[in-house]
Protein backbone atom coordinates (compact mmCIF):
# COMPACT_ATOMS: atom_id res chain seq x y z
CA UNK A 1 0.00 -0.12 -0.10
CA UNK A 2 1.08 3.37 -0.85
CA UNK A 3 0.30 5.74 1.98
CA UNK A 4 1.33 9.04 0.22
CA UNK A 5 3.66 9.86 3.07
CA UNK A 6 7.03 9.22 4.30
CA UNK A 7 7.96 8.82 8.01
CA UNK A 8 11.17 9.18 9.97
CA UNK A 9 11.42 7.90 13.49
CA UNK A 10 14.24 8.39 15.99
CA UNK A 11 14.29 6.96 19.43
CA UNK A 12 16.98 6.62 22.20
CA UNK A 13 17.81 3.24 23.76
CA UNK A 14 20.10 1.96 26.54
CA UNK A 15 23.56 1.24 25.25
CA UNK A 16 24.77 -2.26 26.43
CA UNK A 17 28.10 -2.60 24.68
CA UNK A 18 30.53 -0.51 22.33
CA UNK A 19 28.06 -0.68 19.53
CA UNK A 20 25.05 -2.41 20.94
CA UNK A 21 21.56 -1.21 22.29
CA UNK A 22 18.95 -2.77 24.61
CA UNK A 23 16.38 -2.68 21.92
CA UNK A 24 12.53 -2.87 21.80
CA UNK A 25 10.99 -6.43 21.54
CA UNK A 26 9.50 -6.70 18.12
CA UNK A 27 11.30 -3.82 16.67
CA UNK A 28 12.20 -5.64 13.50
CA UNK A 29 8.45 -6.61 12.96
CA UNK A 30 7.66 -2.85 13.59
CA UNK A 31 10.08 -1.77 10.82
CA UNK A 32 8.54 -4.22 8.46
CA UNK A 33 5.18 -3.05 9.16
CA UNK A 34 6.12 0.73 8.82
CA UNK A 35 7.99 0.04 5.63
CA UNK A 36 5.14 -1.76 3.81
CA UNK A 37 3.06 1.43 3.92
CA UNK A 38 5.68 4.32 3.94
CA UNK A 39 8.97 5.46 2.77
CA UNK A 40 10.53 5.21 6.01
CA UNK A 41 13.78 5.43 8.21
CA UNK A 42 13.81 4.48 11.79
CA UNK A 43 17.05 5.11 13.70
CA UNK A 44 17.90 3.90 17.38
CA UNK A 45 20.48 5.92 19.11
CA UNK A 46 22.33 5.57 22.50
CA UNK A 47 20.55 7.79 24.95
CA UNK A 48 20.60 8.99 28.49
CA UNK A 49 18.18 7.59 31.05
CA UNK A 50 15.80 10.34 31.01
CA UNK A 51 14.56 9.66 27.46
CA UNK A 52 14.95 6.24 26.75
CA UNK A 53 12.46 4.68 24.30
CA UNK A 54 10.71 8.00 23.62
CA UNK A 55 9.98 8.25 19.78
CA UNK A 56 10.42 11.35 17.81
CA UNK A 57 8.12 10.78 14.67
CA UNK A 58 8.00 12.89 11.61
CA UNK A 59 5.61 12.60 8.80
CA UNK A 60 6.15 14.30 5.47
CA UNK A 61 3.33 14.76 2.98
CA UNK A 62 2.58 16.92 -0.05
CA UNK A 63 -0.82 17.61 1.20
CA UNK A 64 -1.59 21.08 2.54
CA UNK A 65 -2.73 21.97 6.10
CA UNK A 66 -5.46 23.90 4.24
CA UNK A 67 -6.75 20.87 2.67
CA UNK A 68 -6.52 18.70 5.78
CA UNK A 69 -8.64 21.41 7.54
CA UNK A 70 -11.08 21.14 4.64
CA UNK A 71 -11.37 17.46 4.55
CA UNK A 72 -11.61 17.11 8.36
CA UNK A 73 -14.49 19.79 8.59
CA UNK A 74 -16.06 17.68 5.94
CA UNK A 75 -16.25 14.62 8.09
CA UNK A 76 -13.32 12.80 6.64
CA UNK A 77 -11.43 10.35 8.91
CA UNK A 78 -8.38 12.14 10.52
CA UNK A 79 -6.18 9.17 9.96
CA UNK A 80 -6.84 8.40 6.15
CA UNK A 81 -6.88 11.92 4.46
CA UNK A 82 -6.39 11.75 0.71
CA UNK A 83 -6.68 14.18 -2.16
CA UNK A 84 -5.46 12.81 -5.52
CA UNK A 85 -1.84 11.75 -5.23
CA UNK A 86 -1.40 13.73 -2.05
CA UNK A 87 -2.36 12.00 1.34
CA UNK A 88 -1.81 12.05 5.06
CA UNK A 89 -2.54 8.42 5.89
CA UNK A 90 -1.62 7.79 9.75
CA UNK A 91 -3.69 4.78 10.38
CA UNK A 92 -1.08 2.27 9.33
CA UNK A 93 1.62 3.63 11.56
CA UNK A 94 -0.85 3.92 14.41
CA UNK A 95 -1.64 0.20 14.09
CA UNK A 96 2.06 -0.75 13.92
CA UNK A 97 2.81 1.57 16.90
CA UNK A 98 0.10 0.19 19.04
CA UNK A 99 1.45 -3.52 18.28
CA UNK A 100 4.95 -2.54 19.27
CA UNK A 101 3.75 -0.82 22.38
CA UNK A 102 1.67 -4.01 23.45
CA UNK A 103 4.67 -6.07 23.12
CA UNK A 104 6.68 -3.80 25.35
CA UNK A 105 4.23 -3.13 27.98
CA UNK A 106 6.85 -2.97 30.94
CA UNK A 107 9.02 -0.32 28.99
CA UNK A 108 8.69 3.36 28.74
CA UNK A 109 7.91 3.19 25.24
CA UNK A 110 6.12 6.33 24.09
CA UNK A 111 6.01 9.07 21.55
CA UNK A 112 7.58 12.33 22.61
CA UNK A 113 6.96 14.57 19.62
CA UNK A 114 4.80 14.10 16.44
CA UNK A 115 5.80 16.41 13.62
CA UNK A 116 3.41 16.57 10.50
CA UNK A 117 5.36 18.29 7.86
CA UNK A 118 2.88 19.44 5.21
CA UNK A 119 3.25 21.36 1.88
CA UNK A 120 2.35 24.64 3.42
CA UNK A 121 3.08 24.06 7.25
CA UNK A 122 4.28 22.00 9.98
CA UNK A 123 2.32 20.80 13.01
CA UNK A 124 4.16 19.83 15.93
CA UNK A 125 2.35 18.01 18.83
CA UNK A 126 4.00 17.53 22.13
CA UNK A 127 3.79 14.69 24.74
CA UNK A 128 2.14 15.87 27.91
CA UNK A 129 2.28 12.73 29.90
CA UNK A 130 2.33 8.74 29.35
CA UNK A 131 0.63 7.98 26.09
CA UNK A 132 -1.01 11.34 25.49
CA UNK A 133 -0.39 11.87 21.73
CA UNK A 134 -2.15 9.02 20.12
CA UNK A 135 -5.39 8.73 22.16
CA UNK A 136 -5.84 12.56 21.65
CA UNK A 137 -4.81 12.82 18.02
CA UNK A 138 -8.15 12.65 16.38
CA UNK A 139 -9.70 15.45 18.60
CA UNK A 140 -6.31 17.44 18.27
CA UNK A 141 -6.43 17.37 14.54
CA UNK A 142 -10.37 17.77 14.51
CA UNK A 143 -10.05 20.93 16.64
CA UNK A 144 -7.11 22.30 14.49
CA UNK A 145 -9.32 21.90 11.42
CA UNK A 146 -12.27 23.76 13.00
CA UNK A 147 -10.04 26.51 14.19
CA UNK A 148 -7.80 26.92 11.07
CA UNK A 149 -9.70 29.91 9.77
CA UNK A 150 -9.07 31.78 13.00
CA UNK A 151 -5.24 31.51 12.59
CA UNK A 152 -4.99 33.58 9.49
CA UNK A 153 -3.58 36.99 10.09
CA UNK A 154 -5.37 39.98 8.70
CA UNK A 155 -2.86 40.30 5.98
CA UNK A 156 -4.00 36.79 4.75
CA UNK A 157 -0.93 34.96 5.98
CA UNK A 158 -1.31 31.40 7.44
CA UNK A 159 1.16 30.08 10.07
CA UNK A 160 4.00 28.08 9.12
CA UNK A 161 4.55 26.30 12.10
CA UNK A 162 1.75 25.49 14.61
CA UNK A 163 2.97 24.13 18.14
CA UNK A 164 0.29 22.15 20.08
CA UNK A 165 0.23 23.09 23.03
CA UNK A 166 1.99 25.95 24.63
CA UNK A 167 1.64 26.98 28.27
CA UNK A 168 1.77 30.25 30.16
CA UNK A 169 4.97 30.15 32.02
CA UNK A 170 4.24 30.78 35.89
CA UNK A 171 7.98 31.54 36.92
CA UNK A 172 8.78 34.89 38.09
CA UNK A 173 11.97 35.23 36.14
CA UNK A 174 10.34 33.66 32.81
CA UNK A 175 12.08 34.35 29.69
CA UNK A 176 8.75 34.57 27.67
CA UNK A 177 5.13 34.81 28.73
CA UNK A 178 4.43 31.47 26.98
CA UNK A 179 6.58 28.33 25.99
CA UNK A 180 6.22 24.60 25.54
CA UNK A 181 6.96 22.01 28.16
CA UNK A 182 10.61 21.55 28.94
CA UNK A 183 12.69 18.25 28.93
CA UNK A 184 14.09 19.00 32.35
CA UNK A 185 13.09 21.01 35.48
CA UNK A 186 9.46 21.26 34.54
CA UNK A 187 7.32 23.21 37.21
CA UNK A 188 4.08 22.82 35.04
CA UNK A 189 1.95 19.67 35.47
CA UNK A 190 -0.01 19.30 32.39
CA UNK A 191 -3.48 17.79 31.99
CA UNK A 192 -3.34 16.52 28.35
CA UNK A 193 -7.47 16.06 28.03
CA UNK A 194 -7.56 20.07 28.78
CA UNK A 195 -4.12 21.40 27.81
CA UNK A 196 -4.18 20.20 24.11
CA UNK A 197 -7.01 22.60 23.53
CA UNK A 198 -6.12 25.81 25.27
CA UNK A 199 -3.17 27.43 23.91
CA UNK A 200 -1.33 26.86 20.79
CA UNK A 201 2.01 28.61 19.45
CA UNK A 202 2.08 29.98 15.94
CA UNK A 203 4.98 31.05 13.78
CA UNK A 204 4.48 33.11 10.78
CA UNK A 205 7.54 33.11 8.32
CA UNK A 206 6.59 36.23 6.11
CA UNK A 207 5.66 38.81 9.01
CA UNK A 208 8.57 37.25 11.04
CA UNK A 209 6.34 37.10 14.16
CA UNK A 210 5.17 34.58 16.70
CA UNK A 211 1.57 34.50 18.05
CA UNK A 212 -0.24 32.53 20.75
CA UNK A 213 -3.70 31.22 20.03
CA UNK A 214 -6.33 30.87 22.62
CA UNK A 215 -8.42 28.07 21.37
CA UNK A 216 -11.26 28.36 23.77
CA UNK A 217 -11.64 32.06 22.93
CA UNK A 218 -11.06 31.61 19.11
CA UNK A 219 -8.60 34.47 19.64
CA UNK A 220 -4.92 35.46 18.37
CA UNK A 221 -3.05 36.89 21.20
CA UNK A 222 -0.28 39.53 20.68
CA UNK A 223 2.10 37.36 22.77
CA UNK A 224 5.26 35.42 21.86
CA UNK A 225 6.33 32.01 22.93
CA UNK A 226 9.54 29.93 23.00
CA UNK A 227 10.19 26.35 21.80
CA UNK A 228 12.50 24.14 23.91
CA UNK A 229 15.23 25.01 21.51
CA UNK A 230 14.94 28.72 21.89
CA UNK A 231 14.24 28.50 25.45
CA UNK A 232 17.77 26.95 25.92
CA UNK A 233 19.24 29.67 23.79
CA UNK A 234 17.54 32.62 25.63
CA UNK A 235 18.44 30.86 28.86
CA UNK A 236 22.23 30.64 27.91
CA UNK A 237 22.31 34.09 26.81
CA UNK A 238 20.84 35.32 30.26
CA UNK A 239 23.48 33.10 32.01
CA UNK A 240 26.23 34.82 29.92
CA UNK A 241 24.96 38.23 30.78
CA UNK A 242 24.73 37.41 34.62
CA UNK A 243 28.17 36.27 34.32
CA UNK A 244 29.39 39.39 32.54
CA UNK A 245 30.52 37.45 29.35
């Protein structure tokens, strides 16, 4: 079957020898399942204890977010979107992933981040807790489709990146009013069933601006946000300033 998309999966496993990893049970079957439906690459890398067996999953498709929003709004199934030769078919991957997860019930296997790289935009969905992305994926994409028309700037520009979700930073010395969750030293306790549908971070390339979208109020806020990468950059810059460097 040609799913119309390609997928890249990276995960980190415990190193057990000079060039060996403690790998997942059934990983070869998972590779074969994924390869049947996608052009795919799956990379296992030696990782630190904090992030073992957390998958970074990236789909690439020629379909546009505008078309995805239109199809989902019309009632098409979120995991089998197809328009001509372009498609975003997620169902085979989800089925293969659930089989792999069932064979590794005692492990910490999970999806850390899911990136949907489309022809006009990139949607980034973050893990908020154990097994949070896949069970909420249909509702996330459905809500994104319903809200997409509200993400357009007055100039007509649509967001190039959509980060789901972002949070208001409660820290007194915060670097930015809003940010995504951090990998370490996180003080926010997320609730996936609610937080996926509260605040999203949007990046607009042509106007070179970032905005925060209040999902519940259907409102674009004149606020910026930080991804984990930019948070680290800003934190390092602050540290250098305080050290007089």
